[in-house]
Amino acid sequence: MKKLFLIIMLILLATLLSSNELFAGSSRSYPAQNYLNFSWFLRPASLGVKTRLFSNVYATGNLDYRKSIDDLELQAGAVYMFPVKILIFKLYAGGGYQFSRNEGFQYPYATVGTNFWVFFTEAVYPIDSRIDPKYRFGLSIKF
């Protein structure tokens, strides 16, 4: 129930922050077409891509290699990139599904993150009470 409440709150926050009328004198910046993410600082090592579908909505894909269990995990989903910057941070939120090479479908997840300069951070919250959240930090290349 708490995770459902968290998802609903994220959707409401995305709706509120996407309105330019909330920020006086805010200028709309045009988002990048694609982002390529490399994360190796925090385990597992990860490679990800975000491709703009329309406006501020991106399709996402991440590959995580977990050496401890010798497994490759694929996360596929979508995120909404908020159209305003807060200081140097470009925030986004979304969700999707995780698939495992060894186990097949595992669980849906919600994600929140930020892009800043050439870096990104991301937190992935599984919609399953038995699994801990994952965190990513690394380089992000816009193209």
Protein backbone atom coordinates (compact mmCIF):
# COMPACT_ATOMS: atom_id res chain seq x y z
CA MET A 1 0.00 0.00 0.00
CA LYS A 2 2.87 2.38 0.80
CA LYS A 3 4.47 1.77 -2.60
CA LEU A 4 1.19 2.45 -4.38
CA PHE A 5 0.91 5.71 -2.42
CA LEU A 6 4.52 6.59 -3.40
CA ILE A 7 3.77 6.00 -7.09
CA ILE A 8 0.63 8.14 -6.94
CA MET A 9 2.58 10.93 -5.21
CA LEU A 10 5.31 10.77 -7.91
CA ILE A 11 2.68 11.08 -10.65
CA LEU A 12 1.11 14.09 -8.91
CA LEU A 13 4.52 15.70 -8.43
CA ALA A 14 5.33 15.16 -12.12
CA THR A 15 2.05 16.78 -13.12
CA LEU A 16 2.60 19.80 -10.89
CA LEU A 17 6.22 20.39 -11.89
CA SER A 18 5.49 20.05 -15.59
CA SER A 19 3.45 23.25 -15.60
CA ASN A 20 5.52 26.32 -16.57
CA GLU A 21 3.06 28.63 -14.82
CA LEU A 22 4.39 27.45 -11.44
CA PHE A 23 7.81 29.04 -12.00
CA ALA A 24 7.99 32.77 -12.73
CA GLY A 25 10.24 33.55 -15.67
CA SER A 26 11.10 29.90 -16.28
CA SER A 27 12.47 29.15 -19.70
CA ARG A 28 11.70 25.90 -21.38
CA SER A 29 14.86 24.07 -22.34
CA TYR A 30 14.63 21.51 -25.09
CA PRO A 31 15.60 18.06 -23.88
CA ALA A 32 18.32 15.94 -25.45
CA GLN A 33 17.25 13.25 -27.90
CA ASN A 34 19.24 10.42 -26.22
CA TYR A 35 21.24 9.70 -23.07
CA LEU A 36 23.84 6.95 -22.72
CA ASN A 37 24.62 6.02 -19.09
CA PHE A 38 27.63 4.13 -17.70
CA SER A 39 27.65 3.16 -14.03
CA TRP A 40 30.47 1.24 -12.40
CA PHE A 41 31.03 3.17 -9.14
CA LEU A 42 28.29 1.28 -7.30
CA ARG A 43 27.74 -2.42 -7.85
CA PRO A 44 26.39 -3.81 -10.15
CA ALA A 45 28.07 -2.43 -13.27
CA SER A 46 25.39 -0.97 -15.52
CA LEU A 47 24.91 0.29 -19.07
CA GLY A 48 21.76 2.22 -19.90
CA VAL A 49 20.09 4.25 -22.63
CA LYS A 50 17.22 6.74 -22.66
CA THR A 51 15.62 7.58 -26.01
CA ARG A 52 13.10 10.40 -26.30
CA LEU A 53 9.71 9.23 -27.53
CA PHE A 54 7.92 12.58 -27.42
CA SER A 55 8.14 15.83 -25.46
CA ASN A 56 9.73 14.86 -22.12
CA VAL A 57 8.93 11.12 -22.15
CA TYR A 58 11.82 8.72 -22.64
CA ALA A 59 11.95 4.96 -23.21
CA THR A 60 14.67 3.44 -21.02
CA GLY A 61 16.72 0.30 -21.02
CA ASN A 62 19.41 -0.79 -18.56
CA LEU A 63 21.64 -3.84 -18.42
CA ASP A 64 23.07 -4.80 -15.02
CA TYR A 65 25.65 -7.55 -14.64
CA ARG A 66 25.69 -9.17 -11.19
CA LYS A 67 28.92 -11.10 -10.81
CA SER A 68 27.92 -12.56 -7.41
CA ILE A 69 25.07 -14.59 -8.97
CA ASP A 70 26.44 -14.63 -12.54
CA ASP A 71 23.29 -13.04 -13.93
CA LEU A 72 22.46 -10.36 -16.51
CA GLU A 73 19.38 -8.26 -15.73
CA LEU A 74 17.46 -6.11 -18.20
CA GLN A 75 15.26 -3.24 -17.05
CA ALA A 76 12.88 -1.78 -19.62
CA GLY A 77 10.54 1.10 -18.94
CA ALA A 78 9.77 4.78 -19.39
CA VAL A 79 10.60 7.97 -17.50
CA TYR A 80 9.26 11.49 -17.52
CA MET A 81 11.99 14.16 -17.53
CA PHE A 82 10.66 17.25 -15.70
CA PRO A 83 10.88 20.31 -17.99
CA VAL A 84 12.58 22.54 -15.39
CA LYS A 85 16.06 22.54 -13.91
CA ILE A 86 16.53 22.90 -10.18
CA LEU A 87 19.96 24.53 -9.85
CA ILE A 88 22.05 22.14 -11.99
CA PHE A 89 19.79 19.10 -11.63
CA LYS A 90 17.42 17.76 -14.29
CA LEU A 91 15.02 15.43 -12.43
CA TYR A 92 13.08 12.46 -13.79
CA ALA A 93 10.78 9.70 -12.53
CA GLY A 94 9.23 6.63 -14.05
CA GLY A 95 8.94 2.88 -13.92
CA GLY A 96 9.12 -0.37 -15.82
CA TYR A 97 9.82 -4.10 -15.57
CA GLN A 98 12.93 -6.11 -14.78
CA PHE A 99 13.85 -9.34 -16.54
CA SER A 100 16.64 -11.73 -15.59
CA ARG A 101 18.65 -14.01 -17.87
CA ASN A 102 18.46 -16.84 -15.32
CA GLU A 103 14.97 -16.30 -13.88
CA GLY A 104 12.91 -14.52 -16.56
CA PHE A 105 10.41 -11.87 -15.38
CA GLN A 106 11.17 -10.68 -11.85
CA TYR A 107 9.21 -7.57 -10.82
CA PRO A 108 7.97 -4.10 -11.79
CA TYR A 109 9.89 -1.11 -10.41
CA ALA A 110 9.66 2.65 -9.89
CA THR A 111 12.68 4.87 -10.48
CA VAL A 112 13.72 8.43 -9.65
CA GLY A 113 16.90 10.10 -10.79
CA THR A 114 18.72 13.20 -11.90
CA ASN A 115 21.13 14.25 -14.64
CA PHE A 116 23.73 16.91 -13.84
CA TRP A 117 26.72 18.02 -15.88
CA VAL A 118 28.12 14.74 -17.26
CA PHE A 119 26.90 12.60 -14.34
CA PHE A 120 23.68 10.92 -13.32
CA THR A 121 22.24 9.29 -10.21
CA GLU A 122 19.33 6.92 -10.07
CA ALA A 123 17.40 4.99 -7.44
CA VAL A 124 15.38 1.93 -8.51
CA TYR A 125 12.64 0.83 -6.10
CA PRO A 126 11.24 -2.67 -6.76
CA ILE A 127 7.51 -3.08 -6.25
CA ASP A 128 8.20 -6.13 -4.10
CA SER A 129 8.73 -5.92 -0.34
CA ARG A 130 11.35 -8.70 -0.29
CA ILE A 131 13.85 -6.87 -2.54
CA ASP A 132 16.06 -3.92 -1.58
CA PRO A 133 16.34 -0.79 -3.77
CA LYS A 134 19.25 -0.40 -6.20
CA TYR A 135 21.31 2.75 -6.73
CA ARG A 136 23.33 3.93 -9.70
CA PHE A 137 25.87 6.72 -10.14
CA GLY A 138 28.03 7.28 -13.19
CA LEU A 139 28.61 9.13 -16.45
CA SER A 140 25.81 10.29 -18.72
CA ILE A 141 26.44 11.30 -22.34
CA LYS A 142 23.84 13.37 -24.23
CA PHE A 143 23.59 12.94 -27.98
